[in-house]
N, C-alpha and C. Protein backbone atom coordinates (compact mmCIF):
# COMPACT_ATOMS: atom_id res chain seq x y z
N MET A 1 -2.62 -40.91 16.60
CA MET A 1 -1.90 -40.07 15.67
C MET A 1 -2.61 -39.47 14.51
N LYS A 2 -3.34 -40.48 14.00
CA LYS A 2 -4.32 -40.04 12.97
C LYS A 2 -5.29 -38.96 13.36
N ASN A 3 -5.83 -38.97 14.69
CA ASN A 3 -6.80 -38.07 15.20
C ASN A 3 -6.23 -36.78 15.34
N ALA A 4 -4.79 -36.78 15.96
CA ALA A 4 -4.26 -35.49 16.11
C ALA A 4 -4.09 -34.85 14.87
N PHE A 5 -3.68 -35.79 13.86
CA PHE A 5 -3.44 -35.12 12.44
C PHE A 5 -4.56 -34.30 12.03
N ASN A 6 -5.82 -35.07 12.28
CA ASN A 6 -7.16 -34.50 11.80
C ASN A 6 -7.44 -33.20 12.50
N ILE A 7 -7.26 -33.20 13.59
CA ILE A 7 -7.47 -32.03 14.49
C ILE A 7 -6.72 -30.74 13.95
N GLY A 8 -5.33 -31.05 13.88
CA GLY A 8 -4.49 -30.19 13.40
C GLY A 8 -4.91 -29.70 11.76
N ARG A 9 -5.32 -30.49 11.14
CA ARG A 9 -5.82 -30.16 9.79
C ARG A 9 -7.04 -29.39 9.71
N HIS A 10 -7.86 -29.66 10.64
CA HIS A 10 -9.02 -28.76 10.92
C HIS A 10 -8.74 -27.52 11.57
N ALA A 11 -7.82 -27.25 12.46
CA ALA A 11 -7.46 -26.14 13.05
C ALA A 11 -6.87 -25.18 11.83
N ILE A 12 -6.16 -25.70 11.00
CA ILE A 12 -5.29 -24.90 9.95
C ILE A 12 -6.55 -24.36 9.06
N THR A 13 -7.33 -25.32 8.64
CA THR A 13 -8.45 -24.86 7.73
C THR A 13 -9.24 -23.82 8.27
N ALA A 14 -9.63 -23.74 9.62
CA ALA A 14 -10.26 -22.85 10.34
C ALA A 14 -9.54 -21.41 10.25
N LEU A 15 -8.22 -21.63 10.58
CA LEU A 15 -7.43 -20.17 10.37
C LEU A 15 -7.44 -19.80 8.89
N ASP A 16 -7.34 -20.55 8.02
CA ASP A 16 -7.37 -20.24 6.72
C ASP A 16 -8.69 -19.48 6.47
N MET A 17 -9.84 -20.06 6.92
CA MET A 17 -11.08 -19.29 6.65
C MET A 17 -11.26 -17.88 7.50
N ILE A 18 -10.61 -17.91 8.73
CA ILE A 18 -10.67 -16.69 9.34
C ILE A 18 -9.84 -15.65 8.64
N GLY A 19 -8.78 -16.07 8.23
CA GLY A 19 -7.80 -15.22 7.43
C GLY A 19 -8.49 -14.57 6.18
N LEU A 20 -9.55 -15.28 5.64
CA LEU A 20 -10.02 -14.60 4.65
C LEU A 20 -11.08 -13.64 4.71
N TRP A 21 -11.55 -13.67 6.09
CA TRP A 21 -12.32 -12.65 6.70
C TRP A 21 -11.44 -11.37 7.42
N ILE A 22 -10.80 -11.82 8.33
CA ILE A 22 -10.08 -10.91 9.18
C ILE A 22 -8.54 -10.58 8.68
N GLY A 23 -7.83 -11.49 8.31
CA GLY A 23 -6.55 -11.32 7.84
C GLY A 23 -6.39 -10.08 6.73
N LEU A 24 -7.09 -10.21 5.61
CA LEU A 24 -7.06 -9.40 4.72
C LEU A 24 -7.63 -7.93 5.02
N LEU A 25 -8.61 -8.07 6.15
CA LEU A 25 -9.40 -6.81 6.33
C LEU A 25 -8.47 -5.95 7.23
N SER A 26 -7.57 -6.65 8.06
CA SER A 26 -6.77 -6.03 8.94
C SER A 26 -5.56 -5.33 8.20
N LEU A 27 -5.11 -5.92 7.00
CA LEU A 27 -4.24 -5.25 6.14
C LEU A 27 -4.96 -3.94 5.26
N ARG A 28 -6.08 -4.26 5.11
CA ARG A 28 -6.78 -2.87 4.39
C ARG A 28 -6.98 -1.80 5.36
N LEU A 29 -7.25 -2.13 6.61
CA LEU A 29 -7.57 -1.09 7.58
C LEU A 29 -6.28 -0.39 7.94
N LEU A 30 -5.20 -0.99 8.20
CA LEU A 30 -3.98 -0.55 8.42
C LEU A 30 -3.46 0.35 7.27
N LEU A 31 -3.44 -0.23 6.26
CA LEU A 31 -3.02 0.58 5.07
C LEU A 31 -3.93 1.93 4.75
N ALA A 32 -5.15 1.72 5.01
CA ALA A 32 -6.17 2.72 4.83
C ALA A 32 -5.77 3.93 5.64
N TRP A 33 -5.58 3.64 6.96
CA TRP A 33 -5.11 4.54 8.09
C TRP A 33 -3.94 5.40 7.50
N GLU A 34 -2.81 4.76 7.07
CA GLU A 34 -1.55 5.14 6.74
C GLU A 34 -1.74 6.14 5.53
N PHE A 35 -2.52 5.56 4.47
CA PHE A 35 -2.66 6.59 3.40
C PHE A 35 -3.58 7.53 3.39
N GLY A 36 -4.54 7.23 4.17
CA GLY A 36 -5.53 8.25 4.55
C GLY A 36 -4.99 9.46 5.28
N GLU A 37 -4.20 9.14 6.13
CA GLU A 37 -3.54 10.25 7.03
C GLU A 37 -2.62 11.14 6.23
N ALA A 38 -1.81 10.29 5.35
CA ALA A 38 -0.84 11.02 4.29
C ALA A 38 -1.70 12.03 3.50
N GLY A 39 -2.71 11.37 2.88
CA GLY A 39 -3.55 12.21 2.06
C GLY A 39 -4.16 13.41 2.66
N PHE A 40 -4.80 13.43 3.84
CA PHE A 40 -5.41 14.46 4.56
C PHE A 40 -4.45 15.46 4.94
N GLU A 41 -3.35 15.06 5.35
CA GLU A 41 -2.04 15.87 5.43
C GLU A 41 -1.58 16.88 4.35
N LYS A 42 -1.60 16.08 3.14
CA LYS A 42 -1.47 16.92 1.95
C LYS A 42 -2.64 17.88 1.63
N LEU A 43 -3.87 17.32 1.90
CA LEU A 43 -4.92 18.27 1.55
C LEU A 43 -5.07 19.50 2.46
N HIS A 44 -4.53 19.45 3.60
CA HIS A 44 -4.48 20.40 4.51
C HIS A 44 -3.33 21.25 4.59
N GLY A 45 -2.29 20.72 3.84
CA GLY A 45 -0.88 21.30 3.90
C GLY A 45 -0.49 22.23 2.50
N ASN A 46 0.79 22.43 2.52
CA ASN A 46 1.20 23.14 1.45
C ASN A 46 1.86 22.29 0.27
N ASN A 47 1.88 22.57 -0.83
CA ASN A 47 2.38 21.69 -1.91
C ASN A 47 3.81 21.85 -1.91
N TRP A 48 4.73 21.02 -1.61
CA TRP A 48 6.20 20.81 -1.71
C TRP A 48 6.64 20.05 -2.80
N PHE A 49 5.79 19.71 -3.65
CA PHE A 49 6.24 18.89 -4.67
C PHE A 49 7.09 19.65 -5.81
N ALA A 50 6.73 20.82 -5.87
CA ALA A 50 7.52 21.74 -6.77
C ALA A 50 9.06 21.71 -6.51
N ASP A 51 9.32 21.48 -5.07
CA ASP A 51 10.67 21.48 -4.63
C ASP A 51 11.43 20.39 -5.05
N ILE A 52 10.64 19.31 -5.34
CA ILE A 52 11.25 17.94 -5.84
C ILE A 52 10.97 17.26 -7.20
N GLN A 53 10.26 18.28 -7.93
CA GLN A 53 9.72 17.97 -9.13
C GLN A 53 10.72 17.15 -10.00
N GLY A 54 12.04 17.57 -9.99
CA GLY A 54 13.20 16.93 -10.89
C GLY A 54 13.29 15.56 -10.44
N GLN A 55 13.17 15.28 -9.07
CA GLN A 55 13.30 13.99 -8.60
C GLN A 55 12.40 12.96 -9.03
N PHE A 56 11.24 13.17 -9.34
CA PHE A 56 10.25 12.14 -9.91
C PHE A 56 10.63 11.37 -10.89
N PRO A 57 10.40 10.09 -10.89
CA PRO A 57 10.69 9.41 -12.10
C PRO A 57 9.65 9.72 -13.16
N TRP A 58 10.30 9.34 -14.58
CA TRP A 58 9.56 9.46 -15.80
C TRP A 58 8.20 8.65 -15.66
N PRO A 59 7.10 8.95 -15.99
CA PRO A 59 6.58 10.24 -16.66
C PRO A 59 6.02 11.19 -15.73
N PHE A 60 6.11 10.98 -14.26
CA PHE A 60 5.70 12.06 -13.23
C PHE A 60 6.54 13.16 -13.21
N ASN A 61 7.85 13.14 -13.73
CA ASN A 61 8.53 14.40 -13.78
C ASN A 61 8.12 15.37 -14.83
N LEU A 62 7.22 14.91 -15.85
CA LEU A 62 6.60 15.60 -16.88
C LEU A 62 5.38 16.28 -16.55
N ILE A 63 4.67 15.79 -15.55
CA ILE A 63 3.57 16.33 -15.00
C ILE A 63 3.83 17.67 -14.16
N PRO A 64 2.99 18.62 -14.12
CA PRO A 64 3.21 19.68 -13.31
C PRO A 64 3.02 19.43 -11.76
N ALA A 65 3.83 20.05 -11.07
CA ALA A 65 3.82 19.79 -9.71
C ALA A 65 2.43 19.83 -8.97
N ASP A 66 1.53 20.82 -9.26
CA ASP A 66 0.18 20.95 -8.92
C ASP A 66 -0.65 19.86 -9.14
N LEU A 67 -0.41 19.31 -10.35
CA LEU A 67 -1.14 18.04 -10.88
C LEU A 67 -0.76 16.81 -10.07
N ASN A 68 0.61 16.65 -9.88
CA ASN A 68 1.14 15.58 -9.16
C ASN A 68 0.56 15.49 -7.71
N TRP A 69 0.58 16.77 -7.07
CA TRP A 69 0.01 16.93 -5.62
C TRP A 69 -1.39 16.37 -5.52
N ALA A 70 -2.24 16.95 -6.59
CA ALA A 70 -3.53 16.49 -6.61
C ALA A 70 -3.68 15.08 -6.89
N LEU A 71 -3.05 14.54 -7.62
CA LEU A 71 -3.25 13.16 -7.99
C LEU A 71 -2.68 12.29 -6.80
N ALA A 72 -1.60 12.46 -6.07
CA ALA A 72 -1.25 11.99 -4.89
C ALA A 72 -2.31 12.03 -3.73
N THR A 73 -2.68 13.23 -3.58
CA THR A 73 -3.59 13.54 -2.42
C THR A 73 -5.08 12.77 -2.70
N GLY A 74 -5.46 12.91 -3.93
CA GLY A 74 -6.55 12.09 -4.26
C GLY A 74 -6.49 10.63 -4.09
N PHE A 75 -5.56 9.83 -4.69
CA PHE A 75 -5.29 8.50 -4.76
C PHE A 75 -5.08 8.20 -3.16
N GLU A 76 -4.48 8.88 -2.25
CA GLU A 76 -4.31 8.54 -0.96
C GLU A 76 -5.73 8.59 -0.23
N ILE A 77 -6.36 9.52 -0.47
CA ILE A 77 -7.68 9.61 0.27
C ILE A 77 -8.88 8.79 -0.17
N VAL A 78 -9.12 8.76 -1.56
CA VAL A 78 -10.06 7.80 -2.20
C VAL A 78 -9.66 6.41 -2.08
N GLY A 79 -8.13 6.16 -2.19
CA GLY A 79 -7.70 4.78 -2.00
C GLY A 79 -8.02 4.21 -0.61
N ALA A 80 -7.73 5.15 0.41
CA ALA A 80 -7.95 4.74 1.74
C ALA A 80 -9.53 4.53 2.05
N ILE A 81 -10.34 5.21 1.47
CA ILE A 81 -11.73 5.05 1.65
C ILE A 81 -12.19 3.60 1.00
N ALA A 82 -11.55 3.49 -0.15
CA ALA A 82 -11.73 2.21 -0.93
C ALA A 82 -11.26 0.85 -0.26
N LEU A 83 -10.04 1.09 0.41
CA LEU A 83 -9.65 0.00 1.37
C LEU A 83 -10.46 -0.36 2.41
N VAL A 84 -10.98 0.63 3.09
CA VAL A 84 -11.92 0.50 4.20
C VAL A 84 -13.18 -0.49 3.96
N ILE A 85 -13.49 0.16 2.74
CA ILE A 85 -14.86 -0.58 2.39
C ILE A 85 -14.64 -1.83 1.41
N GLY A 86 -13.31 -2.03 1.02
CA GLY A 86 -13.20 -3.34 0.25
C GLY A 86 -13.84 -3.09 -1.13
N LEU A 87 -13.86 -1.97 -1.90
CA LEU A 87 -14.31 -1.58 -3.18
C LEU A 87 -13.18 -1.26 -4.08
N GLY A 88 -13.11 -1.96 -5.17
CA GLY A 88 -12.01 -1.72 -6.31
C GLY A 88 -10.72 -1.80 -5.61
N THR A 89 -10.54 -2.94 -4.73
CA THR A 89 -9.40 -3.26 -3.62
C THR A 89 -8.20 -3.36 -4.70
N ARG A 90 -8.26 -4.18 -5.73
CA ARG A 90 -6.96 -4.52 -6.32
C ARG A 90 -6.54 -3.44 -7.26
N PHE A 91 -7.51 -2.61 -7.90
CA PHE A 91 -7.08 -1.20 -8.51
C PHE A 91 -6.48 -0.26 -7.58
N PHE A 92 -7.02 -0.13 -6.53
CA PHE A 92 -6.54 0.87 -5.62
C PHE A 92 -5.13 0.37 -4.88
N SER A 93 -5.22 -0.72 -4.65
CA SER A 93 -3.91 -1.26 -3.98
C SER A 93 -2.69 -1.14 -4.99
N ALA A 94 -3.07 -1.60 -6.42
CA ALA A 94 -1.95 -1.45 -7.33
C ALA A 94 -1.59 0.14 -7.41
N SER A 95 -2.72 0.97 -7.60
CA SER A 95 -2.40 2.38 -7.62
C SER A 95 -1.61 2.95 -6.50
N LEU A 96 -1.70 2.39 -5.42
CA LEU A 96 -1.19 2.91 -4.09
C LEU A 96 0.26 2.38 -4.22
N MET A 97 0.45 1.14 -4.85
CA MET A 97 1.74 0.71 -4.90
C MET A 97 2.70 1.54 -5.98
N ALA A 98 2.01 1.91 -6.86
CA ALA A 98 2.70 3.09 -7.86
C ALA A 98 3.12 4.09 -7.20
N LEU A 99 2.03 4.70 -6.29
CA LEU A 99 2.34 5.89 -5.65
C LEU A 99 3.59 5.81 -4.66
N SER A 100 3.53 4.57 -4.10
CA SER A 100 4.66 4.21 -3.16
C SER A 100 6.00 4.13 -3.93
N VAL A 101 6.19 3.58 -4.90
CA VAL A 101 7.22 3.46 -5.65
C VAL A 101 7.69 4.89 -6.07
N VAL A 102 6.80 5.85 -6.70
CA VAL A 102 7.06 7.12 -6.93
C VAL A 102 8.00 7.77 -5.65
N ALA A 103 6.97 7.66 -4.59
CA ALA A 103 7.38 8.32 -3.41
C ALA A 103 8.93 7.95 -2.73
N MET A 104 9.05 6.61 -3.05
CA MET A 104 10.25 5.98 -2.66
C MET A 104 11.45 6.39 -3.53
N LEU A 105 11.37 6.40 -4.86
CA LEU A 105 12.14 6.93 -5.72
C LEU A 105 12.56 8.49 -5.58
N SER A 106 11.58 9.35 -5.34
CA SER A 106 11.78 10.74 -5.37
C SER A 106 11.98 11.37 -4.03
N VAL A 107 11.60 10.66 -3.09
CA VAL A 107 11.60 11.19 -1.52
C VAL A 107 12.65 10.50 -0.66
N HIS A 108 12.40 9.31 -0.69
CA HIS A 108 13.02 8.26 0.23
C HIS A 108 14.31 7.67 0.08
N TRP A 109 14.54 7.60 -1.43
CA TRP A 109 15.76 6.75 -1.87
C TRP A 109 17.08 7.60 -1.52
N PRO A 110 18.38 7.02 -1.16
CA PRO A 110 19.41 7.75 -1.09
C PRO A 110 19.93 8.49 -2.32
N GLU A 111 20.32 9.67 -1.93
CA GLU A 111 20.81 10.47 -3.23
C GLU A 111 22.05 9.85 -3.78
N SER A 112 22.93 9.30 -3.11
CA SER A 112 24.02 8.49 -3.71
C SER A 112 24.42 7.39 -2.96
N TRP A 113 24.95 6.42 -3.61
CA TRP A 113 25.37 5.15 -2.92
C TRP A 113 26.07 4.26 -3.79
N SER A 114 27.23 3.82 -3.31
CA SER A 114 28.29 3.24 -4.36
C SER A 114 28.47 1.74 -3.96
N THR A 115 28.09 1.34 -2.86
CA THR A 115 27.83 -0.24 -2.34
C THR A 115 26.47 -0.55 -1.90
N PHE A 116 26.20 -1.88 -1.99
CA PHE A 116 25.08 -2.39 -1.47
C PHE A 116 25.00 -2.14 0.07
N ASP A 117 25.89 -2.15 0.64
CA ASP A 117 25.79 -1.85 2.09
C ASP A 117 25.48 -0.46 2.37
N GLU A 118 26.05 0.43 1.47
CA GLU A 118 25.64 1.96 1.73
C GLU A 118 24.03 1.95 1.28
N LEU A 119 23.61 1.32 0.41
CA LEU A 119 22.16 1.32 -0.03
C LEU A 119 21.27 0.98 1.06
N LEU A 120 21.79 -0.30 1.82
CA LEU A 120 21.05 -0.81 2.87
C LEU A 120 20.79 0.18 4.13
N LYS A 121 21.65 1.06 4.33
CA LYS A 121 21.64 1.92 5.45
C LYS A 121 20.26 2.93 5.13
N GLY A 122 19.91 3.00 3.97
CA GLY A 122 18.74 3.79 3.78
C GLY A 122 17.47 2.89 4.08
N TYR A 123 17.50 1.42 4.28
CA TYR A 123 16.52 0.88 4.85
C TYR A 123 16.05 1.04 6.24
N ALA A 124 15.68 2.36 6.66
CA ALA A 124 15.70 2.69 8.04
C ALA A 124 14.61 3.73 8.13
N LEU A 125 13.78 3.89 9.25
CA LEU A 125 12.80 4.86 9.67
C LEU A 125 13.19 6.08 10.02
N THR A 126 14.58 6.27 10.14
CA THR A 126 14.93 7.70 10.23
C THR A 126 15.78 8.03 9.17
N ASP A 127 15.98 9.32 8.92
CA ASP A 127 16.84 9.89 7.75
C ASP A 127 17.93 10.41 8.36
N LYS A 128 18.97 9.80 8.07
CA LYS A 128 20.43 10.06 8.53
C LYS A 128 21.36 10.21 7.45
N GLY A 129 20.78 10.80 6.18
CA GLY A 129 21.56 11.00 5.01
C GLY A 129 21.75 10.05 4.04
N HIS A 130 20.96 8.78 4.41
CA HIS A 130 21.39 7.61 3.56
C HIS A 130 20.03 7.31 3.03
N GLY A 131 18.91 8.05 3.01
CA GLY A 131 17.46 7.75 2.49
C GLY A 131 16.75 7.20 3.62
N ASN A 132 15.57 6.76 3.32
CA ASN A 132 14.60 6.55 4.33
C ASN A 132 13.41 5.64 3.66
N PHE A 133 13.87 4.54 2.87
CA PHE A 133 12.97 4.00 2.22
C PHE A 133 12.18 2.44 2.87
N LYS A 134 12.40 2.35 4.22
CA LYS A 134 11.89 1.17 4.78
C LYS A 134 10.32 1.33 4.75
N LEU A 135 9.73 2.23 5.15
CA LEU A 135 8.30 2.32 5.18
C LEU A 135 7.46 2.18 3.89
N PRO A 136 7.95 2.62 2.81
CA PRO A 136 7.42 2.49 1.51
C PRO A 136 7.62 0.86 1.10
N VAL A 137 8.74 0.43 1.37
CA VAL A 137 8.76 -1.14 1.08
C VAL A 137 8.02 -1.87 1.89
N ILE A 138 7.77 -1.55 3.29
CA ILE A 138 6.65 -2.35 4.02
C ILE A 138 5.29 -2.12 3.28
N TYR A 139 5.11 -0.97 2.86
CA TYR A 139 3.54 -0.71 2.42
C TYR A 139 3.57 -1.48 1.14
N LEU A 140 4.54 -1.62 0.20
CA LEU A 140 4.48 -2.39 -0.90
C LEU A 140 4.26 -3.90 -0.55
N ALA A 141 4.86 -4.40 0.53
CA ALA A 141 4.83 -5.78 0.96
C ALA A 141 3.31 -6.10 1.42
N MET A 142 2.75 -5.20 2.12
CA MET A 142 1.43 -5.07 2.54
C MET A 142 0.46 -4.99 1.42
N LEU A 143 0.64 -4.23 0.53
CA LEU A 143 -0.22 -4.13 -0.56
C LEU A 143 -0.26 -5.44 -1.53
N LEU A 144 0.87 -5.95 -1.68
CA LEU A 144 0.77 -7.21 -2.67
C LEU A 144 -0.22 -8.35 -2.43
N PRO A 145 -0.47 -8.91 -1.32
CA PRO A 145 -1.67 -9.74 -0.93
C PRO A 145 -2.78 -9.21 -1.24
N LEU A 146 -3.23 -7.88 -1.29
CA LEU A 146 -4.41 -7.30 -1.80
C LEU A 146 -4.70 -7.34 -3.22
N VAL A 147 -3.32 -7.06 -3.91
CA VAL A 147 -3.39 -7.08 -5.28
C VAL A 147 -3.76 -8.53 -5.83
N PHE A 148 -2.87 -9.38 -5.29
CA PHE A 148 -3.12 -10.94 -5.77
C PHE A 148 -4.19 -11.68 -5.19
N MET A 149 -4.61 -11.30 -3.86
CA MET A 149 -5.70 -12.16 -3.45
C MET A 149 -7.06 -11.38 -3.12
N GLY A 150 -6.95 -10.07 -3.54
CA GLY A 150 -8.18 -9.36 -3.27
C GLY A 150 -8.57 -8.90 -1.77
N PRO A 151 -9.65 -8.33 -1.54
CA PRO A 151 -9.97 -7.76 -0.37
C PRO A 151 -10.20 -8.78 0.69
N GLY A 152 -10.58 -9.86 0.55
CA GLY A 152 -11.23 -10.81 1.52
C GLY A 152 -12.50 -10.90 1.43
N ARG A 153 -13.23 -11.69 2.35
CA ARG A 153 -14.71 -11.84 2.21
C ARG A 153 -15.60 -10.76 2.95
N LEU A 154 -14.85 -9.86 3.79
CA LEU A 154 -15.45 -8.75 4.47
C LEU A 154 -15.30 -7.46 3.64
N SER A 155 -15.80 -7.37 2.59
CA SER A 155 -15.76 -6.46 1.66
C SER A 155 -16.94 -6.09 0.76
N LEU A 156 -16.80 -5.05 0.05
CA LEU A 156 -17.89 -4.80 -0.99
C LEU A 156 -17.71 -5.54 -2.17
N ASP A 157 -16.28 -5.74 -2.65
CA ASP A 157 -15.78 -6.37 -3.76
C ASP A 157 -16.44 -7.88 -3.76
N ALA A 158 -16.48 -8.60 -2.58
CA ALA A 158 -16.91 -9.87 -2.59
C ALA A 158 -18.29 -9.97 -2.47
N LEU A 159 -19.01 -8.98 -1.89
CA LEU A 159 -20.45 -8.80 -2.20
C LEU A 159 -20.90 -8.67 -3.63
N VAL A 160 -20.17 -7.62 -4.35
CA VAL A 160 -20.59 -7.57 -5.66
C VAL A 160 -20.26 -8.89 -6.51
N ARG A 161 -19.13 -9.42 -6.02
CA ARG A 161 -18.87 -10.72 -6.70
C ARG A 161 -19.93 -11.71 -6.71
N ARG A 162 -20.39 -11.96 -5.49
CA ARG A 162 -21.53 -12.73 -5.24
C ARG A 162 -22.79 -12.44 -5.80
N TRP A 163 -23.02 -11.14 -5.83
CA TRP A 163 -24.23 -10.66 -6.60
C TRP A 163 -24.18 -10.88 -8.09
N ILE A 164 -23.09 -10.68 -8.64
CA ILE A 164 -22.91 -10.80 -10.13
C ILE A 164 -22.86 -12.28 -10.50
N ALA A 165 -22.02 -13.02 -9.69
CA ALA A 165 -21.83 -14.50 -10.30
C ALA A 165 -22.15 -15.39 -9.05
N PRO A 166 -23.25 -15.49 -8.64
CA PRO A 166 -23.64 -16.37 -7.43
C PRO A 166 -23.12 -17.65 -7.80
N VAL A 167 -22.81 -18.45 -6.75
CA VAL A 167 -22.28 -19.90 -6.63
C VAL A 167 -23.30 -20.78 -6.64
């Protein structure tokens, strides 16, 4: 019994170590793809932020639509690159969380709801008049480990940390 317990403990330790390399990298790469795709779509598209400027939460509703568009585009593209290489991961993850919250509140949140059940209808990937905030919530949940745990060992952040403060 003790031998089986030790094997199980070693297996869990090995999975923990692999997770520090591969688990956080997989989050970074998937999020980089999603935010990069959105950023390049904005870069090559037309600015539609002027149409929803009044829906942005404070203080973003005070910023001109062109500047909001440039900030969103820039943070999505630069943030995606930073996530791929794992540089400034906590900063860019927190910034992309803020961007996701603004997008959720200004674009994806239901216009009106009076019960919690009506609000939950907006937790969907299709827009049927109830909002569409499921994807931003998923992004927020995926960004949280990167904010709190960092990028993992396969990153420039980890390399810089080892260079600055070797163990």
